[in-house]
Amino acid sequence: MKIRPLHDRILIKRQEEKETRKGGIIIPDSAKEKPQEGKVIAVGNGKVNDEGKKIPLDVKIGDKILFGKYSGSEVTLDDVEYLILREEDVLCILE
């Protein structure tokens, strides 16, 4: 299934955290928080300003990003969980 977000929305897939943290402590799945890092899968065309011009997005497909903890809406497509959020919810692009 193909999906294309509208306007300034982006579709991301969360990056799974590593099993072991600093100090060698292993955290079970039930105690883990959802990661705030993800990879951009699809982007919208951009937001339209008051003058009717499209403002292109700063993020592009393949970027690794950090986003707010409670940002976006979770969706499941073909048994894979994704997150749809607005570009303004993106905190930074990891390079």
C-alpha atoms as a PDB file:
ATOM      1  CA  MET A   1       0.000   0.000   0.000  1.00  0.00           C
ATOM      2  CA  LYS A   2       1.306   3.452  -0.887  1.00  0.00           C
ATOM      3  CA  ILE A   3       0.581   6.457   1.281  1.00  0.00           C
ATOM      4  CA  ARG A   4       1.259  10.159   0.797  1.00  0.00           C
ATOM      5  CA  PRO A   5       0.687  12.568   3.691  1.00  0.00           C
ATOM      6  CA  LEU A   6      -1.107  15.834   2.956  1.00  0.00           C
ATOM      7  CA  HIS A   7       0.236  19.386   3.304  1.00  0.00           C
ATOM      8  CA  ASP A   8       2.937  19.681   6.012  1.00  0.00           C
ATOM      9  CA  ARG A   9       2.516  16.200   7.476  1.00  0.00           C
ATOM     10  CA  ILE A  10       5.151  13.477   7.433  1.00  0.00           C
ATOM     11  CA  LEU A  11       4.995   9.705   7.888  1.00  0.00           C
ATOM     12  CA  ILE A  12       7.714   8.196  10.044  1.00  0.00           C
ATOM     13  CA  LYS A  13       8.686   4.790  11.335  1.00  0.00           C
ATOM     14  CA  ARG A  14      10.014   4.732  14.885  1.00  0.00           C
ATOM     15  CA  GLN A  15      13.569   3.468  15.339  1.00  0.00           C
ATOM     16  CA  GLU A  16      13.759   0.710  17.928  1.00  0.00           C
ATOM     17  CA  GLU A  17      15.944   1.388  20.931  1.00  0.00           C
ATOM     18  CA  LYS A  18      18.882  -0.867  21.662  1.00  0.00           C
ATOM     19  CA  GLU A  19      18.301  -3.608  24.216  1.00  0.00           C
ATOM     20  CA  THR A  20      21.249  -2.655  26.443  1.00  0.00           C
ATOM     21  CA  ARG A  21      21.860   0.785  27.918  1.00  0.00           C
ATOM     22  CA  LYS A  22      24.979   2.323  29.441  1.00  0.00           C
ATOM     23  CA  GLY A  23      26.181   0.331  32.400  1.00  0.00           C
ATOM     24  CA  GLY A  24      24.990  -2.957  30.880  1.00  0.00           C
ATOM     25  CA  ILE A  25      21.442  -2.742  32.270  1.00  0.00           C
ATOM     26  CA  ILE A  26      18.884  -4.590  30.153  1.00  0.00           C
ATOM     27  CA  ILE A  27      15.405  -3.070  30.171  1.00  0.00           C
ATOM     28  CA  PRO A  28      12.436  -5.380  29.455  1.00  0.00           C
ATOM     29  CA  ASP A  29       9.974  -4.456  26.672  1.00  0.00           C
ATOM     30  CA  SER A  30       7.185  -3.729  29.148  1.00  0.00           C
ATOM     31  CA  ALA A  31       9.245  -1.013  30.873  1.00  0.00           C
ATOM     32  CA  LYS A  32      10.562   0.703  27.741  1.00  0.00           C
ATOM     33  CA  GLU A  33       9.287   4.050  26.591  1.00  0.00           C
ATOM     34  CA  LYS A  34       8.463   4.512  22.937  1.00  0.00           C
ATOM     35  CA  PRO A  35      11.444   5.928  21.073  1.00  0.00           C
ATOM     36  CA  GLN A  36      11.414   9.566  20.019  1.00  0.00           C
ATOM     37  CA  GLU A  37      13.668   8.910  17.039  1.00  0.00           C
ATOM     38  CA  GLY A  38      12.418   7.857  13.633  1.00  0.00           C
ATOM     39  CA  LYS A  39      13.060   7.639   9.922  1.00  0.00           C
ATOM     40  CA  VAL A  40      10.996   9.666   7.448  1.00  0.00           C
ATOM     41  CA  ILE A  41       9.091   7.339   5.091  1.00  0.00           C
ATOM     42  CA  ALA A  42       6.918   9.868   3.196  1.00  0.00           C
ATOM     43  CA  VAL A  43       6.345  13.643   3.181  1.00  0.00           C
ATOM     44  CA  GLY A  44       3.514  15.910   2.059  1.00  0.00           C
ATOM     45  CA  ASN A  45       3.783  18.595  -0.616  1.00  0.00           C
ATOM     46  CA  GLY A  46       4.140  21.467   1.845  1.00  0.00           C
ATOM     47  CA  LYS A  47       2.024  24.001   3.667  1.00  0.00           C
ATOM     48  CA  VAL A  48       0.126  26.692   1.780  1.00  0.00           C
ATOM     49  CA  ASN A  49       0.583  30.216   3.149  1.00  0.00           C
ATOM     50  CA  ASP A  50      -1.970  33.058   3.135  1.00  0.00           C
ATOM     51  CA  GLU A  51      -0.877  34.135  -0.347  1.00  0.00           C
ATOM     52  CA  GLY A  52      -1.535  30.674  -1.788  1.00  0.00           C
ATOM     53  CA  LYS A  53       2.139  29.738  -2.243  1.00  0.00           C
ATOM     54  CA  LYS A  54       3.423  26.360  -1.099  1.00  0.00           C
ATOM     55  CA  ILE A  55       6.181  26.346   1.474  1.00  0.00           C
ATOM     56  CA  PRO A  56       8.333  23.225   0.924  1.00  0.00           C
ATOM     57  CA  LEU A  57       9.238  21.017   3.877  1.00  0.00           C
ATOM     58  CA  ASP A  58      12.724  20.993   5.406  1.00  0.00           C
ATOM     59  CA  VAL A  59      12.639  17.229   5.979  1.00  0.00           C
ATOM     60  CA  LYS A  60      12.901  14.704   3.165  1.00  0.00           C
ATOM     61  CA  ILE A  61      12.444  10.967   2.761  1.00  0.00           C
ATOM     62  CA  GLY A  62      15.219   9.025   4.493  1.00  0.00           C
ATOM     63  CA  ASP A  63      16.037  11.673   7.131  1.00  0.00           C
ATOM     64  CA  LYS A  64      16.470  10.522  10.718  1.00  0.00           C
ATOM     65  CA  ILE A  65      14.612  12.850  13.072  1.00  0.00           C
ATOM     66  CA  LEU A  66      13.824  13.466  16.726  1.00  0.00           C
ATOM     67  CA  PHE A  67      10.236  14.398  17.580  1.00  0.00           C
ATOM     68  CA  GLY A  68       8.201  15.316  20.646  1.00  0.00           C
ATOM     69  CA  LYS A  69       7.197  12.567  23.053  1.00  0.00           C
ATOM     70  CA  TYR A  70       3.440  12.949  22.583  1.00  0.00           C
ATOM     71  CA  SER A  71       3.474  14.126  18.955  1.00  0.00           C
ATOM     72  CA  GLY A  72       1.449  12.793  16.069  1.00  0.00           C
ATOM     73  CA  SER A  73      -1.060  10.039  15.494  1.00  0.00           C
ATOM     74  CA  GLU A  74      -0.190   6.359  15.386  1.00  0.00           C
ATOM     75  CA  VAL A  75      -1.393   4.346  12.388  1.00  0.00           C
ATOM     76  CA  THR A  76      -0.902   0.727  11.354  1.00  0.00           C
ATOM     77  CA  LEU A  77      -0.453  -0.122   7.671  1.00  0.00           C
ATOM     78  CA  ASP A  78       0.214  -3.687   6.504  1.00  0.00           C
ATOM     79  CA  ASP A  79       0.905  -4.717  10.136  1.00  0.00           C
ATOM     80  CA  VAL A  80       3.632  -2.072  10.533  1.00  0.00           C
ATOM     81  CA  GLU A  81       3.219   0.804  12.999  1.00  0.00           C
ATOM     82  CA  TYR A  82       3.882   4.337  11.746  1.00  0.00           C
ATOM     83  CA  LEU A  83       3.430   7.824  13.098  1.00  0.00           C
ATOM     84  CA  ILE A  84       1.939  10.763  11.184  1.00  0.00           C
ATOM     85  CA  LEU A  85       2.928  14.179  12.487  1.00  0.00           C
ATOM     86  CA  ARG A  86       3.250  17.765  11.365  1.00  0.00           C
ATOM     87  CA  GLU A  87       6.628  19.164  10.438  1.00  0.00           C
ATOM     88  CA  GLU A  88       6.407  21.603  13.367  1.00  0.00           C
ATOM     89  CA  ASP A  89       6.511  18.594  15.748  1.00  0.00           C
ATOM     90  CA  VAL A  90       9.975  17.646  14.460  1.00  0.00           C
ATOM     91  CA  LEU A  91      12.623  18.812  16.917  1.00  0.00           C
ATOM     92  CA  CYS A  92      15.707  18.182  14.763  1.00  0.00           C
ATOM     93  CA  ILE A  93      17.216  16.214  11.898  1.00  0.00           C
ATOM     94  CA  LEU A  94      20.024  13.836  12.898  1.00  0.00           C
ATOM     95  CA  GLU A  95      23.028  13.922  10.572  1.00  0.00           C
END
